[in-house]
Amino acid sequence: ISSLIQEALDLSPRGIREHLNLSQPIYARTAAYGH
């Protein structure tokens, strides 16, 4: 399973940011009632 998930997602900071599209203003909504 560890090998599978590393094949499925680039776990570098850039890889995570780009795959999940995290460089957007989407964070205030996460700050209450759980991330």
PDB file of all heavy atoms in Angstrom:
ATOM      1  N   ILE A   1       0.839  -1.206   0.000  1.00  0.00           N
ATOM      2  CA  ILE A   1       0.000   0.000   0.000  1.00  0.00           C
ATOM      3  C   ILE A   1       0.869   1.249   0.000  1.00  0.00           C
ATOM      4  O   ILE A   1       0.590   2.225  -0.704  1.00  0.00           O
ATOM      5  CB  ILE A   1      -0.972  -0.010   1.192  1.00  0.00           C
ATOM      6  CG1 ILE A   1      -1.986  -1.144   1.038  1.00  0.00           C
ATOM      7  CG2 ILE A   1      -1.695   1.330   1.323  1.00  0.00           C
ATOM      8  CD1 ILE A   1      -2.912  -1.325   2.220  1.00  0.00           C
ATOM      9  N   SER A   2       1.965   1.229   0.771  1.00  0.00           N
ATOM     10  CA  SER A   2       2.881   2.363   0.788  1.00  0.00           C
ATOM     11  C   SER A   2       3.441   2.639  -0.598  1.00  0.00           C
ATOM     12  O   SER A   2       3.517   3.793  -1.045  1.00  0.00           O
ATOM     13  CB  SER A   2       4.017   2.104   1.783  1.00  0.00           C
ATOM     14  OG  SER A   2       4.938   3.175   1.790  1.00  0.00           O
ATOM     15  N   SER A   3       3.823   1.592  -1.303  1.00  0.00           N
ATOM     16  CA  SER A   3       4.328   1.766  -2.669  1.00  0.00           C
ATOM     17  C   SER A   3       3.242   2.305  -3.596  1.00  0.00           C
ATOM     18  O   SER A   3       3.499   3.176  -4.434  1.00  0.00           O
ATOM     19  CB  SER A   3       4.842   0.432  -3.219  1.00  0.00           C
ATOM     20  OG  SER A   3       5.944  -0.031  -2.465  1.00  0.00           O
ATOM     21  N   LEU A   4       2.004   1.813  -3.428  1.00  0.00           N
ATOM     22  CA  LEU A   4       0.898   2.249  -4.276  1.00  0.00           C
ATOM     23  C   LEU A   4       0.626   3.741  -4.123  1.00  0.00           C
ATOM     24  O   LEU A   4       0.457   4.460  -5.117  1.00  0.00           O
ATOM     25  CB  LEU A   4      -0.370   1.467  -3.936  1.00  0.00           C
ATOM     26  CG  LEU A   4      -0.412  -0.020  -4.269  1.00  0.00           C
ATOM     27  CD1 LEU A   4      -1.717  -0.630  -3.769  1.00  0.00           C
ATOM     28  CD2 LEU A   4      -0.259  -0.247  -5.757  1.00  0.00           C
ATOM     29  N   ILE A   5       0.586   4.212  -2.887  1.00  0.00           N
ATOM     30  CA  ILE A   5       0.231   5.621  -2.685  1.00  0.00           C
ATOM     31  C   ILE A   5       1.347   6.544  -3.163  1.00  0.00           C
ATOM     32  O   ILE A   5       1.073   7.662  -3.634  1.00  0.00           O
ATOM     33  CB  ILE A   5      -0.138   5.919  -1.217  1.00  0.00           C
ATOM     34  CG1 ILE A   5       1.032   5.655  -0.263  1.00  0.00           C
ATOM     35  CG2 ILE A   5      -1.374   5.127  -0.793  1.00  0.00           C
ATOM     36  CD1 ILE A   5       0.748   6.031   1.184  1.00  0.00           C
ATOM     37  N   GLN A   6       2.601   6.081  -3.084  1.00  0.00           N
ATOM     38  CA  GLN A   6       3.699   6.909  -3.589  1.00  0.00           C
ATOM     39  C   GLN A   6       3.739   6.932  -5.111  1.00  0.00           C
ATOM     40  O   GLN A   6       4.222   7.906  -5.699  1.00  0.00           O
ATOM     41  CB  GLN A   6       5.023   6.412  -3.006  1.00  0.00           C
ATOM     42  CG  GLN A   6       5.125   6.672  -1.501  1.00  0.00           C
ATOM     43  CD  GLN A   6       6.405   6.152  -0.904  1.00  0.00           C
ATOM     44  OE1 GLN A   6       7.479   6.731  -1.093  1.00  0.00           O
ATOM     45  NE2 GLN A   6       6.312   5.046  -0.173  1.00  0.00           N
ATOM     46  N   GLU A   7       3.212   5.890  -5.738  1.00  0.00           N
ATOM     47  CA  GLU A   7       3.046   5.914  -7.195  1.00  0.00           C
ATOM     48  C   GLU A   7       1.918   6.870  -7.591  1.00  0.00           C
ATOM     49  O   GLU A   7       1.976   7.538  -8.617  1.00  0.00           O
ATOM     50  CB  GLU A   7       2.717   4.520  -7.720  1.00  0.00           C
ATOM     51  CG  GLU A   7       3.855   3.536  -7.747  1.00  0.00           C
ATOM     52  CD  GLU A   7       3.406   2.196  -8.310  1.00  0.00           C
ATOM     53  OE1 GLU A   7       2.727   2.186  -9.354  1.00  0.00           O
ATOM     54  OE2 GLU A   7       3.725   1.168  -7.696  1.00  0.00           O
ATOM     55  N   ALA A   8       0.888   6.929  -6.748  1.00  0.00           N
ATOM     56  CA  ALA A   8      -0.312   7.694  -7.091  1.00  0.00           C
ATOM     57  C   ALA A   8      -0.141   9.189  -6.881  1.00  0.00           C
ATOM     58  O   ALA A   8      -0.822   9.994  -7.539  1.00  0.00           O
ATOM     59  CB  ALA A   8      -1.496   7.192  -6.270  1.00  0.00           C
ATOM     60  N   LEU A   9       0.733   9.608  -5.964  1.00  0.00           N
ATOM     61  CA  LEU A   9       0.861  11.031  -5.627  1.00  0.00           C
ATOM     62  C   LEU A   9       2.322  11.394  -5.385  1.00  0.00           C
ATOM     63  O   LEU A   9       3.008  10.744  -4.590  1.00  0.00           O
ATOM     64  CB  LEU A   9       0.034  11.356  -4.371  1.00  0.00           C
ATOM     65  CG  LEU A   9       0.112  12.791  -3.849  1.00  0.00           C
ATOM     66  CD1 LEU A   9      -0.404  13.780  -4.884  1.00  0.00           C
ATOM     67  CD2 LEU A   9      -0.656  12.940  -2.536  1.00  0.00           C
ATOM     68  N   ASP A  10       2.778  12.434  -6.053  1.00  0.00           N
ATOM     69  CA  ASP A  10       4.092  13.016  -5.806  1.00  0.00           C
ATOM     70  C   ASP A  10       4.027  13.731  -4.459  1.00  0.00           C
ATOM     71  O   ASP A  10       3.320  14.727  -4.302  1.00  0.00           O
ATOM     72  CB  ASP A  10       4.422  14.004  -6.932  1.00  0.00           C
ATOM     73  CG  ASP A  10       5.725  14.762  -6.698  1.00  0.00           C
ATOM     74  OD1 ASP A  10       6.414  14.521  -5.681  1.00  0.00           O
ATOM     75  OD2 ASP A  10       6.052  15.637  -7.539  1.00  0.00           O
ATOM     76  N   LEU A  11       4.769  13.226  -3.485  1.00  0.00           N
ATOM     77  CA  LEU A  11       4.680  13.741  -2.123  1.00  0.00           C
ATOM     78  C   LEU A  11       5.692  14.850  -1.834  1.00  0.00           C
ATOM     79  O   LEU A  11       5.930  15.182  -0.670  1.00  0.00           O
ATOM     80  CB  LEU A  11       4.836  12.592  -1.120  1.00  0.00           C
ATOM     81  CG  LEU A  11       3.610  11.671  -1.044  1.00  0.00           C
ATOM     82  CD1 LEU A  11       3.932  10.411  -0.256  1.00  0.00           C
ATOM     83  CD2 LEU A  11       2.433  12.414  -0.417  1.00  0.00           C
ATOM     84  N   SER A  12       6.280  15.443  -2.852  1.00  0.00           N
ATOM     85  CA  SER A  12       7.068  16.657  -2.644  1.00  0.00           C
ATOM     86  C   SER A  12       6.112  17.805  -2.333  1.00  0.00           C
ATOM     87  O   SER A  12       4.925  17.752  -2.684  1.00  0.00           O
ATOM     88  CB  SER A  12       7.874  16.996  -3.896  1.00  0.00           C
ATOM     89  OG  SER A  12       7.010  17.410  -4.949  1.00  0.00           O
ATOM     90  N   PRO A  13       6.584  18.868  -1.660  1.00  0.00           N
ATOM     91  CA  PRO A  13       5.696  20.004  -1.392  1.00  0.00           C
ATOM     92  C   PRO A  13       5.036  20.556  -2.659  1.00  0.00           C
ATOM     93  O   PRO A  13       3.841  20.874  -2.659  1.00  0.00           O
ATOM     94  CB  PRO A  13       6.626  21.026  -0.741  1.00  0.00           C
ATOM     95  CG  PRO A  13       7.665  20.191  -0.065  1.00  0.00           C
ATOM     96  CD  PRO A  13       7.885  19.025  -0.985  1.00  0.00           C
ATOM     97  N   ARG A  14       5.815  20.658  -3.744  1.00  0.00           N
ATOM     98  CA  ARG A  14       5.228  21.140  -4.997  1.00  0.00           C
ATOM     99  C   ARG A  14       4.187  20.137  -5.531  1.00  0.00           C
ATOM    100  O   ARG A  14       3.111  20.523  -5.990  1.00  0.00           O
ATOM    101  CB  ARG A  14       6.310  21.351  -6.056  1.00  0.00           C
ATOM    102  CG  ARG A  14       5.737  21.914  -7.374  1.00  0.00           C
ATOM    103  CD  ARG A  14       6.675  21.629  -8.545  1.00  0.00           C
ATOM    104  NE  ARG A  14       7.942  22.329  -8.428  1.00  0.00           N
ATOM    105  CZ  ARG A  14       8.177  23.552  -8.899  1.00  0.00           C
ATOM    106  NH1 ARG A  14       7.218  24.216  -9.518  1.00  0.00           N
ATOM    107  NH2 ARG A  14       9.368  24.101  -8.760  1.00  0.00           N
ATOM    108  N   GLY A  15       4.523  18.841  -5.485  1.00  0.00           N
ATOM    109  CA  GLY A  15       3.607  17.827  -5.980  1.00  0.00           C
ATOM    110  C   GLY A  15       2.276  17.841  -5.250  1.00  0.00           C
ATOM    111  O   GLY A  15       1.205  17.744  -5.867  1.00  0.00           O
ATOM    112  N   ILE A  16       2.330  17.977  -3.919  1.00  0.00           N
ATOM    113  CA  ILE A  16       1.104  18.039  -3.126  1.00  0.00           C
ATOM    114  C   ILE A  16       0.309  19.297  -3.469  1.00  0.00           C
ATOM    115  O   ILE A  16      -0.911  19.245  -3.707  1.00  0.00           O
ATOM    116  CB  ILE A  16       1.444  18.017  -1.619  1.00  0.00           C
ATOM    117  CG1 ILE A  16       2.046  16.673  -1.211  1.00  0.00           C
ATOM    118  CG2 ILE A  16       0.198  18.325  -0.782  1.00  0.00           C
ATOM    119  CD1 ILE A  16       2.640  16.662   0.177  1.00  0.00           C
ATOM    120  N   ARG A  17       1.002  20.428  -3.486  1.00  0.00           N
ATOM    121  CA  ARG A  17       0.331  21.707  -3.742  1.00  0.00           C
ATOM    122  C   ARG A  17      -0.360  21.711  -5.094  1.00  0.00           C
ATOM    123  O   ARG A  17      -1.511  22.173  -5.217  1.00  0.00           O
ATOM    124  CB  ARG A  17       1.355  22.843  -3.658  1.00  0.00           C
ATOM    125  CG  ARG A  17       0.803  24.220  -3.940  1.00  0.00           C
ATOM    126  CD  ARG A  17       1.831  25.292  -3.643  1.00  0.00           C
ATOM    127  NE  ARG A  17       3.080  25.109  -4.348  1.00  0.00           N
ATOM    128  CZ  ARG A  17       3.289  25.442  -5.622  1.00  0.00           C
ATOM    129  NH1 ARG A  17       2.311  25.961  -6.341  1.00  0.00           N
ATOM    130  NH2 ARG A  17       4.472  25.273  -6.189  1.00  0.00           N
ATOM    131  N   GLU A  18       0.309  21.184  -6.114  1.00  0.00           N
ATOM    132  CA  GLU A  18      -0.271  21.209  -7.453  1.00  0.00           C
ATOM    133  C   GLU A  18      -1.373  20.171  -7.623  1.00  0.00           C
ATOM    134  O   GLU A  18      -2.407  20.445  -8.232  1.00  0.00           O
ATOM    135  CB  GLU A  18       0.834  21.011  -8.502  1.00  0.00           C
ATOM    136  CG  GLU A  18       1.793  22.200  -8.562  1.00  0.00           C
ATOM    137  CD  GLU A  18       2.884  22.035  -9.610  1.00  0.00           C
ATOM    138  OE1 GLU A  18       3.032  20.897 -10.152  1.00  0.00           O
ATOM    139  OE2 GLU A  18       3.593  23.022  -9.882  1.00  0.00           O
ATOM    140  N   HIS A  19      -1.178  18.981  -7.075  1.00  0.00           N
ATOM    141  CA  HIS A  19      -2.196  17.931  -7.232  1.00  0.00           C
ATOM    142  C   HIS A  19      -3.501  18.314  -6.534  1.00  0.00           C
ATOM    143  O   HIS A  19      -4.593  18.102  -7.079  1.00  0.00           O
ATOM    144  CB  HIS A  19      -1.675  16.605  -6.665  1.00  0.00           C
ATOM    145  CG  HIS A  19      -2.591  15.444  -6.898  1.00  0.00           C
ATOM    146  ND1 HIS A  19      -2.420  14.552  -7.930  1.00  0.00           N
ATOM    147  CD2 HIS A  19      -3.713  15.029  -6.241  1.00  0.00           C
ATOM    148  CE1 HIS A  19      -3.381  13.647  -7.905  1.00  0.00           C
ATOM    149  NE2 HIS A  19      -4.175  13.913  -6.874  1.00  0.00           N
ATOM    150  N   LEU A  20      -3.391  18.874  -5.341  1.00  0.00           N
ATOM    151  CA  LEU A  20      -4.578  19.246  -4.570  1.00  0.00           C
ATOM    152  C   LEU A  20      -5.007  20.691  -4.805  1.00  0.00           C
ATOM    153  O   LEU A  20      -5.989  21.149  -4.215  1.00  0.00           O
ATOM    154  CB  LEU A  20      -4.329  19.008  -3.078  1.00  0.00           C
ATOM    155  CG  LEU A  20      -4.099  17.541  -2.680  1.00  0.00           C
ATOM    156  CD1 LEU A  20      -3.778  17.434  -1.192  1.00  0.00           C
ATOM    157  CD2 LEU A  20      -5.308  16.676  -3.027  1.00  0.00           C
ATOM    158  N   ASN A  21      -4.259  21.394  -5.661  1.00  0.00           N
ATOM    159  CA  ASN A  21      -4.600  22.780  -6.013  1.00  0.00           C
ATOM    160  C   ASN A  21      -4.737  23.646  -4.752  1.00  0.00           C
ATOM    161  O   ASN A  21      -5.749  24.325  -4.542  1.00  0.00           O
ATOM    162  CB  ASN A  21      -5.895  22.808  -6.833  1.00  0.00           C
ATOM    163  CG  ASN A  21      -6.003  24.051  -7.700  1.00  0.00           C
ATOM    164  OD1 ASN A  21      -5.032  24.794  -7.861  1.00  0.00           O
ATOM    165  ND2 ASN A  21      -7.178  24.284  -8.257  1.00  0.00           N
ATOM    166  N   LEU A  22      -3.683  23.650  -3.953  1.00  0.00           N
ATOM    167  CA  LEU A  22      -3.728  24.290  -2.641  1.00  0.00           C
ATOM    168  C   LEU A  22      -3.368  25.775  -2.642  1.00  0.00           C
ATOM    169  O   LEU A  22      -3.517  26.428  -1.607  1.00  0.00           O
ATOM    170  CB  LEU A  22      -2.787  23.549  -1.679  1.00  0.00           C
ATOM    171  CG  LEU A  22      -3.139  22.096  -1.374  1.00  0.00           C
ATOM    172  CD1 LEU A  22      -2.125  21.500  -0.412  1.00  0.00           C
ATOM    173  CD2 LEU A  22      -4.552  21.965  -0.812  1.00  0.00           C
ATOM    174  N   SER A  23      -2.907  26.309  -3.768  1.00  0.00           N
ATOM    175  CA  SER A  23      -2.476  27.715  -3.786  1.00  0.00           C
ATOM    176  C   SER A  23      -3.649  28.653  -4.068  1.00  0.00           C
ATOM    177  O   SER A  23      -3.533  29.610  -4.823  1.00  0.00           O
ATOM    178  CB  SER A  23      -1.370  27.910  -4.828  1.00  0.00           C
ATOM    179  OG  SER A  23      -0.239  27.141  -4.502  1.00  0.00           O
ATOM    180  N   GLN A  24      -4.755  28.378  -3.449  1.00  0.00           N
ATOM    181  CA  GLN A  24      -5.973  29.163  -3.628  1.00  0.00           C
ATOM    182  C   GLN A  24      -6.431  29.708  -2.272  1.00  0.00           C
ATOM    183  O   GLN A  24      -6.073  29.159  -1.224  1.00  0.00           O
ATOM    184  CB  GLN A  24      -7.098  28.290  -4.182  1.00  0.00           C
ATOM    185  CG  GLN A  24      -6.838  27.627  -5.505  1.00  0.00           C
ATOM    186  CD  GLN A  24      -8.098  26.895  -5.937  1.00  0.00           C
ATOM    187  OE1 GLN A  24      -9.007  27.482  -6.520  1.00  0.00           O
ATOM    188  NE2 GLN A  24      -8.179  25.614  -5.604  1.00  0.00           N
ATOM    189  N   PRO A  25      -7.275  30.736  -2.272  1.00  0.00           N
ATOM    190  CA  PRO A  25      -7.809  31.262  -1.004  1.00  0.00           C
ATOM    191  C   PRO A  25      -8.962  30.405  -0.493  1.00  0.00           C
ATOM    192  O   PRO A  25     -10.139  30.767  -0.563  1.00  0.00           O
ATOM    193  CB  PRO A  25      -8.272  32.670  -1.393  1.00  0.00           C
ATOM    194  CG  PRO A  25      -8.633  32.563  -2.842  1.00  0.00           C
ATOM    195  CD  PRO A  25      -7.647  31.588  -3.426  1.00  0.00           C
ATOM    196  N   ILE A  26      -8.625  29.243   0.064  1.00  0.00           N
ATOM    197  CA  ILE A  26      -9.631  28.248   0.458  1.00  0.00           C
ATOM    198  C   ILE A  26      -9.530  27.876   1.937  1.00  0.00           C
ATOM    199  O   ILE A  26     -10.109  26.872   2.364  1.00  0.00           O
ATOM    200  CB  ILE A  26      -9.483  26.963  -0.384  1.00  0.00           C
ATOM    201  CG1 ILE A  26      -8.056  26.414  -0.282  1.00  0.00           C
ATOM    202  CG2 ILE A  26      -9.864  27.233  -1.841  1.00  0.00           C
ATOM    203  CD1 ILE A  26      -7.847  25.058  -0.946  1.00  0.00           C
ATOM    204  N   TYR A  27      -8.852  28.700   2.727  1.00  0.00           N
ATOM    205  CA  TYR A  27      -8.480  28.233   4.054  1.00  0.00           C
ATOM    206  C   TYR A  27      -9.342  28.745   5.205  1.00  0.00           C
ATOM    207  O   TYR A  27      -9.489  28.048   6.214  1.00  0.00           O
ATOM    208  CB  TYR A  27      -6.998  28.529   4.303  1.00  0.00           C
ATOM    209  CG  TYR A  27      -6.141  27.743   3.350  1.00  0.00           C
ATOM    210  CD1 TYR A  27      -5.554  28.344   2.237  1.00  0.00           C
ATOM    211  CD2 TYR A  27      -5.982  26.377   3.503  1.00  0.00           C
ATOM    212  CE1 TYR A  27      -4.812  27.605   1.328  1.00  0.00           C
ATOM    213  CE2 TYR A  27      -5.241  25.628   2.600  1.00  0.00           C
ATOM    214  CZ  TYR A  27      -4.661  26.251   1.516  1.00  0.00           C
ATOM    215  OH  TYR A  27      -3.939  25.507   0.610  1.00  0.00           O
ATOM    216  N   ALA A  28      -9.936  29.912   5.088  1.00  0.00           N
ATOM    217  CA  ALA A  28     -10.757  30.424   6.200  1.00  0.00           C
ATOM    218  C   ALA A  28     -11.878  29.456   6.535  1.00  0.00           C
ATOM    219  O   ALA A  28     -12.218  29.256   7.708  1.00  0.00           O
ATOM    220  CB  ALA A  28     -11.313  31.804   5.860  1.00  0.00           C
ATOM    221  N   ARG A  29     -12.441  28.824   5.520  1.00  0.00           N
ATOM    222  CA  ARG A  29     -13.558  27.893   5.741  1.00  0.00           C
ATOM    223  C   ARG A  29     -13.139  26.630   6.485  1.00  0.00           C
ATOM    224  O   ARG A  29     -13.978  25.917   7.048  1.00  0.00           O
ATOM    225  CB  ARG A  29     -14.193  27.533   4.398  1.00  0.00           C
ATOM    226  CG  ARG A  29     -13.352  26.615   3.541  1.00  0.00           C
ATOM    227  CD  ARG A  29     -13.845  26.473   2.107  1.00  0.00           C
ATOM    228  NE  ARG A  29     -13.507  27.631   1.286  1.00  0.00           N
ATOM    229  CZ  ARG A  29     -13.671  27.687  -0.024  1.00  0.00           C
ATOM    230  NH1 ARG A  29     -14.201  26.661  -0.669  1.00  0.00           N
ATOM    231  NH2 ARG A  29     -13.327  28.759  -0.694  1.00  0.00           N
ATOM    232  N   THR A  30     -11.830  26.323   6.466  1.00  0.00           N
ATOM    233  CA  THR A  30     -11.362  25.109   7.146  1.00  0.00           C
ATOM    234  C   THR A  30     -11.194  25.316   8.647  1.00  0.00           C
ATOM    235  O   THR A  30     -11.062  24.341   9.393  1.00  0.00           O
ATOM    236  CB  THR A  30     -10.000  24.649   6.582  1.00  0.00           C
ATOM    237  OG1 THR A  30      -8.967  25.585   6.972  1.00  0.00           O
ATOM    238  CG2 THR A  30     -10.027  24.535   5.070  1.00  0.00           C
ATOM    239  N   ALA A  31     -11.191  26.573   9.080  1.00  0.00           N
ATOM    240  CA  ALA A  31     -10.730  26.895  10.430  1.00  0.00           C
ATOM    241  C   ALA A  31     -11.779  26.688  11.516  1.00  0.00           C
ATOM    242  O   ALA A  31     -11.523  26.963  12.682  1.00  0.00           O
ATOM    243  CB  ALA A  31     -10.217  28.337  10.469  1.00  0.00           C
ATOM    244  N   ALA A  32     -12.962  26.213  11.168  1.00  0.00           N
ATOM    245  CA  ALA A  32     -13.970  25.834  12.161  1.00  0.00           C
ATOM    246  C   ALA A  32     -14.687  24.587  11.668  1.00  0.00           C
ATOM    247  O   ALA A  32     -14.919  24.430  10.470  1.00  0.00           O
ATOM    248  CB  ALA A  32     -14.970  26.963  12.393  1.00  0.00           C
ATOM    249  N   TYR A  33     -14.994  23.687  12.596  1.00  0.00           N
ATOM    250  CA  TYR A  33     -15.729  22.447  12.332  1.00  0.00           C
ATOM    251  C   TYR A  33     -14.913  21.407  11.567  1.00  0.00           C
ATOM    252  O   TYR A  33     -15.471  20.545  10.903  1.00  0.00           O
ATOM    253  CB  TYR A  33     -17.071  22.727  11.629  1.00  0.00           C
ATOM    254  CG  TYR A  33     -17.860  23.796  12.350  1.00  0.00           C
ATOM    255  CD1 TYR A  33     -18.118  25.030  11.754  1.00  0.00           C
ATOM    256  CD2 TYR A  33     -18.303  23.587  13.664  1.00  0.00           C
ATOM    257  CE1 TYR A  33     -18.803  26.021  12.437  1.00  0.00           C
ATOM    258  CE2 TYR A  33     -18.991  24.570  14.350  1.00  0.00           C
ATOM    259  CZ  TYR A  33     -19.233  25.796  13.732  1.00  0.00           C
ATOM    260  OH  TYR A  33     -19.905  26.777  14.420  1.00  0.00           O
ATOM    261  N   GLY A  34     -13.597  21.479  11.695  1.00  0.00           N
ATOM    262  CA  GLY A  34     -12.748  20.411  11.201  1.00  0.00           C
ATOM    263  C   GLY A  34     -12.202  20.628   9.805  1.00  0.00           C
ATOM    264  O   GLY A  34     -12.891  21.123   8.918  1.00  0.00           O
ATOM    265  N   HIS A  35     -10.950  20.241   9.620  1.00  0.00           N
ATOM    266  CA  HIS A  35     -10.312  20.309   8.305  1.00  0.00           C
ATOM    267  C   HIS A  35     -10.628  19.083   7.467  1.00  0.00           C
ATOM    268  O   HIS A  35     -10.388  19.095   6.258  1.00  0.00           O
ATOM    269  CB  HIS A  35      -8.796  20.437   8.468  1.00  0.00           C
ATOM    270  CG  HIS A  35      -8.363  21.737   9.058  1.00  0.00           C
ATOM    271  ND1 HIS A  35      -7.653  22.685   8.346  1.00  0.00           N
ATOM    272  CD2 HIS A  35      -8.548  22.272  10.295  1.00  0.00           C
ATOM    273  CE1 HIS A  35      -7.411  23.736   9.120  1.00  0.00           C
ATOM    274  NE2 HIS A  35      -7.943  23.497  10.307  1.00  0.00           N
TER     275      HIS A  35
END
